[in-house]
């Protein structure tokens, strides 16, 4: 059984004049990311690998999750393709190169791509991710060869669920 957790970065500064890649989380984004990370911790979800877009706001979100999950922030793998825009096939190709010993992977990225990946990889997920939203999918496979439409929804967590 493999578990893929897709996370949209927390709410970020909306400054239009700056560099999009360098945008940081705002206070609400940090708070919401910590909330959702703690939901995973309370549900005994442990990650074998954290992979993040190298954009500042996604990496900030990944580091918050890492701290809460007792995962070494220096071990977060950074992938630029998660920022540039990618197809679900490209994400699946990336995952297919992972060691089969890895059971749970958390991917930190951006909309619309993170939502589209969740929709395409799951059997019945049809929503867009809010900021700090988190979708857990389970795949009945031994290797990281994921087929579109084959993931069972394990959970869908988002900050407004806890207001």
N, C-alpha and C. Protein backbone atom coordinates (compact mmCIF):
# COMPACT_ATOMS: atom_id res chain seq x y z
N UNK A 1 0.85 -1.19 0.00
CA UNK A 1 0.00 0.00 0.00
C UNK A 1 0.89 1.24 0.00
N UNK A 2 0.61 2.16 -0.90
CA UNK A 2 1.34 3.43 -0.95
C UNK A 2 0.36 4.56 -0.63
N UNK A 3 0.86 5.56 0.09
CA UNK A 3 0.03 6.73 0.42
C UNK A 3 0.71 7.97 -0.15
N UNK A 4 -0.07 8.71 -0.92
CA UNK A 4 0.37 9.99 -1.49
C UNK A 4 -0.47 11.08 -0.86
N UNK A 5 0.20 12.08 -0.28
CA UNK A 5 -0.50 13.20 0.32
C UNK A 5 -0.12 14.45 -0.47
N UNK A 6 -1.12 15.11 -1.00
CA UNK A 6 -0.92 16.33 -1.79
C UNK A 6 -1.32 17.53 -0.94
N UNK A 7 -0.45 18.51 -0.84
CA UNK A 7 -0.69 19.69 -0.01
C UNK A 7 -0.52 20.95 -0.86
N UNK A 8 -1.51 21.83 -0.81
CA UNK A 8 -1.35 23.15 -1.41
C UNK A 8 -0.71 24.05 -0.36
N UNK A 9 0.22 24.87 -0.75
CA UNK A 9 0.89 25.77 0.19
C UNK A 9 -0.11 26.63 0.94
N UNK A 10 0.31 27.13 2.09
CA UNK A 10 -0.53 28.02 2.89
C UNK A 10 -0.73 29.37 2.21
N UNK A 11 -1.64 30.15 2.77
CA UNK A 11 -1.97 31.46 2.22
C UNK A 11 -0.72 32.35 2.20
N UNK A 12 -0.49 32.97 1.04
CA UNK A 12 0.73 33.74 0.85
C UNK A 12 0.43 35.21 0.60
N UNK A 13 1.47 36.00 0.73
CA UNK A 13 1.42 37.43 0.43
C UNK A 13 0.92 37.60 -1.01
N UNK A 14 -0.05 38.49 -1.20
CA UNK A 14 -0.63 38.70 -2.53
C UNK A 14 0.03 39.84 -3.30
N UNK A 15 1.17 40.30 -2.84
CA UNK A 15 1.88 41.41 -3.48
C UNK A 15 2.08 41.10 -4.96
N UNK A 16 1.47 41.91 -5.82
CA UNK A 16 1.53 41.67 -7.26
C UNK A 16 2.80 42.22 -7.90
N UNK A 17 3.43 43.19 -7.26
CA UNK A 17 4.59 43.83 -7.88
C UNK A 17 5.89 43.05 -7.69
N UNK A 18 5.88 42.10 -6.75
CA UNK A 18 7.10 41.35 -6.46
C UNK A 18 7.27 40.13 -7.33
N UNK A 19 8.28 39.37 -7.01
CA UNK A 19 8.60 38.14 -7.71
C UNK A 19 7.71 37.01 -7.15
N UNK A 20 6.90 36.38 -7.99
CA UNK A 20 5.98 35.33 -7.55
C UNK A 20 6.72 34.20 -6.84
N UNK A 21 7.87 33.82 -7.33
CA UNK A 21 8.64 32.72 -6.78
C UNK A 21 9.03 32.98 -5.33
N UNK A 22 9.27 34.24 -4.99
CA UNK A 22 9.75 34.63 -3.66
C UNK A 22 8.64 34.94 -2.66
N UNK A 23 7.37 34.87 -3.08
CA UNK A 23 6.28 35.20 -2.16
C UNK A 23 6.33 34.32 -0.92
N UNK A 24 6.08 34.95 0.25
CA UNK A 24 6.13 34.26 1.53
C UNK A 24 4.73 34.01 2.08
N UNK A 25 4.65 33.09 3.02
CA UNK A 25 3.39 32.88 3.73
C UNK A 25 3.09 34.09 4.60
N UNK A 26 1.81 34.39 4.72
CA UNK A 26 1.38 35.40 5.69
C UNK A 26 1.09 34.67 7.00
N UNK A 27 0.81 35.42 8.06
CA UNK A 27 0.57 34.83 9.38
C UNK A 27 -0.51 33.75 9.31
N UNK A 28 -1.62 34.02 8.63
CA UNK A 28 -2.71 33.04 8.48
C UNK A 28 -2.21 31.78 7.77
N UNK A 29 -1.37 31.95 6.78
CA UNK A 29 -0.83 30.81 6.05
C UNK A 29 0.02 29.91 6.93
N UNK A 30 0.83 30.52 7.79
CA UNK A 30 1.64 29.74 8.72
C UNK A 30 0.75 29.03 9.74
N UNK A 31 -0.24 29.75 10.26
CA UNK A 31 -1.16 29.18 11.27
C UNK A 31 -1.96 28.01 10.68
N UNK A 32 -2.51 28.21 9.48
CA UNK A 32 -3.31 27.15 8.84
C UNK A 32 -2.45 25.93 8.50
N UNK A 33 -1.24 26.17 8.04
CA UNK A 33 -0.35 25.05 7.71
C UNK A 33 -0.03 24.23 8.96
N UNK A 34 0.24 24.92 10.06
CA UNK A 34 0.53 24.23 11.33
C UNK A 34 -0.70 23.44 11.79
N UNK A 35 -1.89 24.02 11.64
CA UNK A 35 -3.13 23.33 12.02
C UNK A 35 -3.27 22.01 11.26
N UNK A 36 -3.12 22.06 9.94
CA UNK A 36 -3.31 20.85 9.13
C UNK A 36 -2.19 19.84 9.40
N UNK A 37 -0.98 20.31 9.58
CA UNK A 37 0.11 19.40 9.93
C UNK A 37 -0.20 18.67 11.24
N UNK A 38 -0.75 19.39 12.20
CA UNK A 38 -1.11 18.77 13.48
C UNK A 38 -2.26 17.79 13.35
N UNK A 39 -3.18 18.03 12.43
CA UNK A 39 -4.25 17.06 12.16
C UNK A 39 -3.62 15.73 11.70
N UNK A 40 -2.64 15.82 10.82
CA UNK A 40 -1.97 14.60 10.35
C UNK A 40 -1.25 13.90 11.50
N UNK A 41 -0.55 14.67 12.31
CA UNK A 41 0.17 14.09 13.46
C UNK A 41 -0.80 13.39 14.40
N UNK A 42 -1.94 14.04 14.71
CA UNK A 42 -2.93 13.44 15.61
C UNK A 42 -3.52 12.16 15.04
N UNK A 43 -3.48 12.03 13.71
CA UNK A 43 -3.98 10.83 13.06
C UNK A 43 -2.86 9.83 12.76
N UNK A 44 -1.72 10.03 13.43
CA UNK A 44 -0.58 9.12 13.32
C UNK A 44 -0.05 8.94 11.91
N UNK A 45 -0.12 9.97 11.11
CA UNK A 45 0.42 9.91 9.75
C UNK A 45 1.86 10.37 9.79
N UNK A 46 2.73 9.49 9.33
CA UNK A 46 4.16 9.77 9.30
C UNK A 46 4.62 9.71 7.84
N UNK A 47 5.46 10.63 7.47
CA UNK A 47 5.94 10.67 6.09
C UNK A 47 7.34 10.07 5.99
N UNK A 48 7.55 9.30 4.96
CA UNK A 48 8.88 8.79 4.65
C UNK A 48 9.66 9.79 3.82
N UNK A 49 8.92 10.63 3.07
CA UNK A 49 9.57 11.60 2.19
C UNK A 49 8.67 12.82 2.02
N UNK A 50 9.27 14.01 2.15
CA UNK A 50 8.60 15.27 1.85
C UNK A 50 9.25 15.86 0.62
N UNK A 51 8.44 16.23 -0.38
CA UNK A 51 8.92 16.81 -1.62
C UNK A 51 8.16 18.10 -1.85
N UNK A 52 8.90 19.19 -2.07
CA UNK A 52 8.26 20.50 -2.21
C UNK A 52 8.71 21.21 -3.47
N UNK A 53 7.79 22.00 -4.00
CA UNK A 53 8.17 23.02 -4.97
C UNK A 53 9.26 23.85 -4.30
N UNK A 54 10.18 24.38 -5.09
CA UNK A 54 11.23 25.20 -4.50
C UNK A 54 10.82 26.66 -4.35
N UNK A 55 9.57 27.00 -4.70
CA UNK A 55 9.07 28.35 -4.46
C UNK A 55 8.98 28.57 -2.94
N UNK A 56 9.28 29.79 -2.53
CA UNK A 56 9.41 30.09 -1.10
C UNK A 56 8.18 29.68 -0.29
N UNK A 57 6.97 30.02 -0.74
CA UNK A 57 5.76 29.74 0.05
C UNK A 57 5.49 28.25 0.21
N UNK A 58 5.80 27.46 -0.82
CA UNK A 58 5.61 26.01 -0.72
C UNK A 58 6.65 25.40 0.22
N UNK A 59 7.89 25.86 0.10
CA UNK A 59 8.94 25.35 0.96
C UNK A 59 8.70 25.74 2.43
N UNK A 60 8.19 26.95 2.66
CA UNK A 60 7.83 27.35 4.03
C UNK A 60 6.77 26.40 4.59
N UNK A 61 5.76 26.09 3.77
CA UNK A 61 4.70 25.18 4.20
C UNK A 61 5.28 23.81 4.52
N UNK A 62 6.15 23.30 3.66
CA UNK A 62 6.77 22.00 3.88
C UNK A 62 7.58 21.98 5.17
N UNK A 63 8.29 23.08 5.47
CA UNK A 63 9.09 23.14 6.69
C UNK A 63 8.21 23.14 7.93
N UNK A 64 7.04 23.78 7.86
CA UNK A 64 6.11 23.76 8.99
C UNK A 64 5.63 22.32 9.24
N UNK A 65 5.26 21.62 8.16
CA UNK A 65 4.84 20.23 8.29
C UNK A 65 5.99 19.39 8.86
N UNK A 66 7.20 19.61 8.35
CA UNK A 66 8.36 18.85 8.82
C UNK A 66 8.56 19.03 10.32
N UNK A 67 8.49 20.28 10.78
CA UNK A 67 8.67 20.53 12.22
C UNK A 67 7.62 19.79 13.04
N UNK A 68 6.37 19.88 12.64
CA UNK A 68 5.29 19.25 13.39
C UNK A 68 5.37 17.73 13.35
N UNK A 69 5.88 17.19 12.24
CA UNK A 69 5.94 15.74 12.05
C UNK A 69 7.29 15.15 12.48
N UNK A 70 8.15 15.97 13.05
CA UNK A 70 9.48 15.54 13.47
C UNK A 70 10.26 14.92 12.31
N UNK A 71 10.24 15.62 11.20
CA UNK A 71 10.96 15.25 9.98
C UNK A 71 12.02 16.33 9.78
N UNK A 72 13.24 15.95 9.54
CA UNK A 72 14.33 16.93 9.42
C UNK A 72 14.09 17.86 8.23
N UNK A 73 13.91 19.16 8.47
CA UNK A 73 13.66 20.10 7.38
C UNK A 73 14.74 20.06 6.29
N UNK A 74 15.97 19.78 6.67
CA UNK A 74 17.05 19.70 5.69
C UNK A 74 16.88 18.53 4.73
N UNK A 75 16.04 17.57 5.09
CA UNK A 75 15.80 16.39 4.25
C UNK A 75 14.67 16.58 3.24
N UNK A 76 14.02 17.74 3.26
CA UNK A 76 12.94 18.01 2.29
C UNK A 76 13.56 18.08 0.90
N UNK A 77 13.05 17.28 0.00
CA UNK A 77 13.52 17.31 -1.38
C UNK A 77 12.83 18.45 -2.12
N UNK A 78 13.58 19.27 -2.82
CA UNK A 78 13.03 20.39 -3.57
C UNK A 78 13.04 20.07 -5.06
N UNK A 79 11.90 20.28 -5.70
CA UNK A 79 11.76 20.00 -7.13
C UNK A 79 11.15 21.21 -7.83
N UNK A 80 11.89 21.76 -8.76
CA UNK A 80 11.42 22.97 -9.46
C UNK A 80 10.20 22.68 -10.35
N UNK A 81 10.10 21.47 -10.88
CA UNK A 81 8.96 21.16 -11.75
C UNK A 81 7.62 21.34 -11.03
N UNK A 82 7.62 21.24 -9.71
CA UNK A 82 6.38 21.43 -8.94
C UNK A 82 5.96 22.90 -8.90
N UNK A 83 6.84 23.80 -9.27
CA UNK A 83 6.51 25.22 -9.36
C UNK A 83 6.11 25.59 -10.78
N UNK A 84 6.80 25.06 -11.75
CA UNK A 84 6.63 25.47 -13.14
C UNK A 84 5.28 25.09 -13.72
N UNK A 85 4.65 24.13 -13.19
CA UNK A 85 3.44 23.58 -13.81
C UNK A 85 3.81 22.24 -14.41
N UNK A 86 2.97 21.27 -14.20
CA UNK A 86 3.28 19.92 -14.61
C UNK A 86 1.98 19.17 -14.88
N UNK A 87 2.10 18.08 -15.58
CA UNK A 87 0.94 17.22 -15.79
C UNK A 87 0.93 16.15 -14.70
N UNK A 88 -0.20 15.52 -14.54
CA UNK A 88 -0.28 14.41 -13.59
C UNK A 88 0.65 13.30 -14.03
N UNK A 89 0.79 13.13 -15.34
CA UNK A 89 1.72 12.12 -15.85
C UNK A 89 3.16 12.40 -15.45
N UNK A 90 3.55 13.67 -15.47
CA UNK A 90 4.91 14.02 -15.04
C UNK A 90 5.10 13.74 -13.54
N UNK A 91 4.07 14.03 -12.75
CA UNK A 91 4.15 13.73 -11.32
C UNK A 91 4.24 12.22 -11.12
N UNK A 92 3.42 11.47 -11.83
CA UNK A 92 3.45 10.01 -11.71
C UNK A 92 4.81 9.46 -12.14
N UNK A 93 5.40 10.03 -13.19
CA UNK A 93 6.74 9.60 -13.62
C UNK A 93 7.77 9.87 -12.52
N UNK A 94 7.69 11.05 -11.89
CA UNK A 94 8.59 11.38 -10.79
C UNK A 94 8.44 10.35 -9.67
N UNK A 95 7.19 10.06 -9.28
CA UNK A 95 6.94 9.11 -8.20
C UNK A 95 7.41 7.70 -8.55
N UNK A 96 7.30 7.33 -9.82
CA UNK A 96 7.68 5.97 -10.23
C UNK A 96 9.17 5.70 -10.02
N UNK A 97 9.96 6.75 -9.87
CA UNK A 97 11.40 6.58 -9.63
C UNK A 97 11.76 6.47 -8.15
N UNK A 98 10.75 6.54 -7.27
CA UNK A 98 11.02 6.43 -5.84
C UNK A 98 11.29 4.98 -5.44
N UNK A 99 12.06 4.83 -4.41
CA UNK A 99 12.35 3.51 -3.85
C UNK A 99 11.06 2.90 -3.33
N UNK A 100 10.85 1.64 -3.60
CA UNK A 100 9.61 0.97 -3.17
C UNK A 100 9.51 0.87 -1.64
N UNK A 101 10.61 1.07 -0.91
CA UNK A 101 10.57 1.04 0.55
C UNK A 101 9.83 2.25 1.11
N UNK A 102 9.74 3.30 0.33
CA UNK A 102 9.02 4.51 0.75
C UNK A 102 7.53 4.22 0.68
N UNK A 103 6.84 4.39 1.80
CA UNK A 103 5.40 4.10 1.85
C UNK A 103 4.54 5.34 1.74
N UNK A 104 4.95 6.45 2.37
CA UNK A 104 4.14 7.67 2.41
C UNK A 104 4.98 8.86 1.94
N UNK A 105 4.46 9.55 0.92
CA UNK A 105 5.11 10.73 0.36
C UNK A 105 4.15 11.91 0.48
N UNK A 106 4.68 13.05 0.90
CA UNK A 106 3.89 14.28 0.91
C UNK A 106 4.49 15.22 -0.13
N UNK A 107 3.64 15.70 -1.03
CA UNK A 107 4.03 16.63 -2.09
C UNK A 107 3.43 17.99 -1.77
N UNK A 108 4.25 19.05 -1.79
CA UNK A 108 3.80 20.42 -1.53
C UNK A 108 3.89 21.21 -2.83
N UNK A 109 2.74 21.77 -3.23
CA UNK A 109 2.73 22.47 -4.50
C UNK A 109 1.70 23.58 -4.57
N UNK A 110 1.29 23.87 -5.77
CA UNK A 110 0.48 25.04 -6.10
C UNK A 110 -0.75 24.64 -6.90
N UNK A 111 -1.79 25.46 -6.79
CA UNK A 111 -2.94 25.29 -7.67
C UNK A 111 -2.65 25.98 -8.99
N UNK A 112 -3.22 25.52 -10.08
CA UNK A 112 -4.24 24.47 -10.19
C UNK A 112 -3.67 23.06 -10.25
N UNK A 113 -2.36 22.94 -10.31
CA UNK A 113 -1.74 21.64 -10.59
C UNK A 113 -1.93 20.63 -9.47
N UNK A 114 -1.87 21.07 -8.23
CA UNK A 114 -2.02 20.13 -7.11
C UNK A 114 -3.45 19.58 -7.07
N UNK A 115 -4.44 20.46 -7.32
CA UNK A 115 -5.84 20.01 -7.37
C UNK A 115 -6.06 19.05 -8.54
N UNK A 116 -5.51 19.41 -9.70
CA UNK A 116 -5.68 18.56 -10.88
C UNK A 116 -5.08 17.18 -10.68
N UNK A 117 -3.94 17.13 -10.01
CA UNK A 117 -3.32 15.83 -9.72
C UNK A 117 -4.21 15.00 -8.81
N UNK A 118 -4.79 15.62 -7.79
CA UNK A 118 -5.69 14.91 -6.89
C UNK A 118 -6.91 14.38 -7.63
N UNK A 119 -7.48 15.22 -8.49
CA UNK A 119 -8.66 14.82 -9.26
C UNK A 119 -8.32 13.66 -10.20
N UNK A 120 -7.20 13.74 -10.87
CA UNK A 120 -6.85 12.73 -11.88
C UNK A 120 -6.35 11.42 -11.28
N UNK A 121 -5.70 11.49 -10.13
CA UNK A 121 -5.18 10.26 -9.54
C UNK A 121 -6.20 9.52 -8.70
N UNK A 122 -7.24 10.22 -8.23
CA UNK A 122 -8.22 9.59 -7.34
C UNK A 122 -9.37 8.98 -8.14
N UNK A 123 -10.11 8.12 -7.44
CA UNK A 123 -11.30 7.52 -8.05
C UNK A 123 -12.46 8.51 -8.07
N UNK A 124 -12.53 9.38 -7.06
CA UNK A 124 -13.74 10.22 -6.97
C UNK A 124 -13.54 11.55 -6.25
N UNK A 125 -12.39 12.17 -6.42
CA UNK A 125 -12.16 13.50 -5.83
C UNK A 125 -12.42 14.54 -6.91
N UNK A 126 -13.24 15.54 -6.59
CA UNK A 126 -13.63 16.53 -7.61
C UNK A 126 -13.61 17.95 -7.07
N UNK A 127 -12.67 18.28 -6.20
CA UNK A 127 -12.66 19.60 -5.58
C UNK A 127 -11.35 20.31 -5.87
N UNK A 128 -11.39 21.61 -5.71
CA UNK A 128 -10.17 22.41 -5.76
C UNK A 128 -9.66 22.55 -4.33
N UNK A 129 -8.36 22.60 -4.18
CA UNK A 129 -7.75 22.72 -2.86
C UNK A 129 -7.80 24.18 -2.39
N UNK A 130 -8.27 24.42 -1.18
CA UNK A 130 -8.05 25.73 -0.57
C UNK A 130 -6.58 25.81 -0.12
N UNK A 131 -6.11 27.00 0.22
CA UNK A 131 -4.74 27.09 0.73
C UNK A 131 -4.63 26.23 1.99
N UNK A 132 -3.50 25.57 2.12
CA UNK A 132 -3.21 24.62 3.20
C UNK A 132 -4.10 23.38 3.15
N UNK A 133 -4.80 23.18 2.04
CA UNK A 133 -5.60 21.96 1.87
C UNK A 133 -4.70 20.76 1.65
N UNK A 134 -5.20 19.59 2.06
CA UNK A 134 -4.38 18.39 2.10
C UNK A 134 -5.23 17.17 1.75
N UNK A 135 -4.89 16.49 0.68
CA UNK A 135 -5.61 15.29 0.24
C UNK A 135 -4.71 14.07 0.40
N UNK A 136 -5.21 13.06 1.11
CA UNK A 136 -4.50 11.81 1.26
C UNK A 136 -5.12 10.75 0.37
N UNK A 137 -4.31 10.12 -0.45
CA UNK A 137 -4.76 9.06 -1.34
C UNK A 137 -3.98 7.79 -1.04
N UNK A 138 -4.68 6.65 -1.09
CA UNK A 138 -4.05 5.35 -0.91
C UNK A 138 -4.13 4.57 -2.22
N UNK A 139 -3.04 3.88 -2.52
CA UNK A 139 -2.96 3.09 -3.74
C UNK A 139 -2.57 1.66 -3.37
N UNK A 140 -3.31 0.71 -3.86
CA UNK A 140 -3.04 -0.70 -3.56
C UNK A 140 -1.98 -1.22 -4.52
N UNK A 141 -0.75 -0.76 -4.32
CA UNK A 141 0.39 -1.15 -5.15
C UNK A 141 1.61 -1.36 -4.26
N UNK A 142 2.58 -2.10 -4.77
CA UNK A 142 3.83 -2.32 -4.04
C UNK A 142 4.93 -1.37 -4.51
N UNK A 143 4.85 -0.94 -5.73
CA UNK A 143 5.81 0.00 -6.33
C UNK A 143 5.08 1.31 -6.60
N UNK A 144 5.84 2.38 -6.81
CA UNK A 144 5.24 3.71 -7.06
C UNK A 144 4.84 3.90 -8.52
N UNK A 145 4.09 2.95 -9.05
CA UNK A 145 3.56 3.08 -10.41
C UNK A 145 2.06 3.34 -10.27
N UNK A 146 1.69 4.62 -10.29
CA UNK A 146 0.31 5.01 -10.03
C UNK A 146 -0.45 5.26 -11.32
N UNK A 147 -1.61 4.66 -11.41
CA UNK A 147 -2.47 4.83 -12.57
C UNK A 147 -3.53 5.90 -12.29
N UNK A 148 -3.86 6.70 -13.29
CA UNK A 148 -4.94 7.68 -13.09
C UNK A 148 -6.22 6.99 -12.64
N UNK A 149 -6.93 7.62 -11.73
CA UNK A 149 -8.21 7.10 -11.25
C UNK A 149 -8.11 5.90 -10.35
N UNK A 150 -6.93 5.60 -9.81
CA UNK A 150 -6.79 4.39 -8.99
C UNK A 150 -6.66 4.67 -7.49
N UNK A 151 -6.56 5.93 -7.09
CA UNK A 151 -6.36 6.25 -5.68
C UNK A 151 -7.65 6.33 -4.89
N UNK A 152 -7.66 5.68 -3.74
CA UNK A 152 -8.79 5.79 -2.82
C UNK A 152 -8.55 6.97 -1.89
N UNK A 153 -9.58 7.78 -1.67
CA UNK A 153 -9.45 8.92 -0.78
C UNK A 153 -9.36 8.42 0.65
N UNK A 154 -8.29 8.80 1.32
CA UNK A 154 -8.07 8.47 2.72
C UNK A 154 -8.60 9.62 3.58
N UNK A 155 -8.32 10.85 3.16
CA UNK A 155 -8.81 12.03 3.89
C UNK A 155 -8.67 13.27 3.01
N UNK A 156 -9.44 14.29 3.33
CA UNK A 156 -9.29 15.61 2.73
C UNK A 156 -9.43 16.61 3.86
N UNK A 157 -8.34 17.26 4.19
CA UNK A 157 -8.30 18.20 5.31
C UNK A 157 -8.04 19.61 4.79
N UNK A 158 -8.70 20.58 5.43
CA UNK A 158 -8.50 21.98 5.07
C UNK A 158 -8.88 22.82 6.27
N UNK A 159 -8.28 24.01 6.39
CA UNK A 159 -8.47 24.81 7.62
C UNK A 159 -9.91 25.13 7.98
N UNK A 160 -10.75 25.49 7.03
CA UNK A 160 -12.13 25.89 7.36
C UNK A 160 -12.94 24.75 7.98
N UNK A 161 -12.49 23.53 7.79
CA UNK A 161 -13.14 22.37 8.39
C UNK A 161 -13.08 22.43 9.92
N UNK A 162 -12.12 23.19 10.44
CA UNK A 162 -11.88 23.24 11.87
C UNK A 162 -12.25 24.59 12.50
N UNK A 163 -13.00 25.40 11.79
CA UNK A 163 -13.42 26.69 12.35
C UNK A 163 -14.70 26.54 13.15
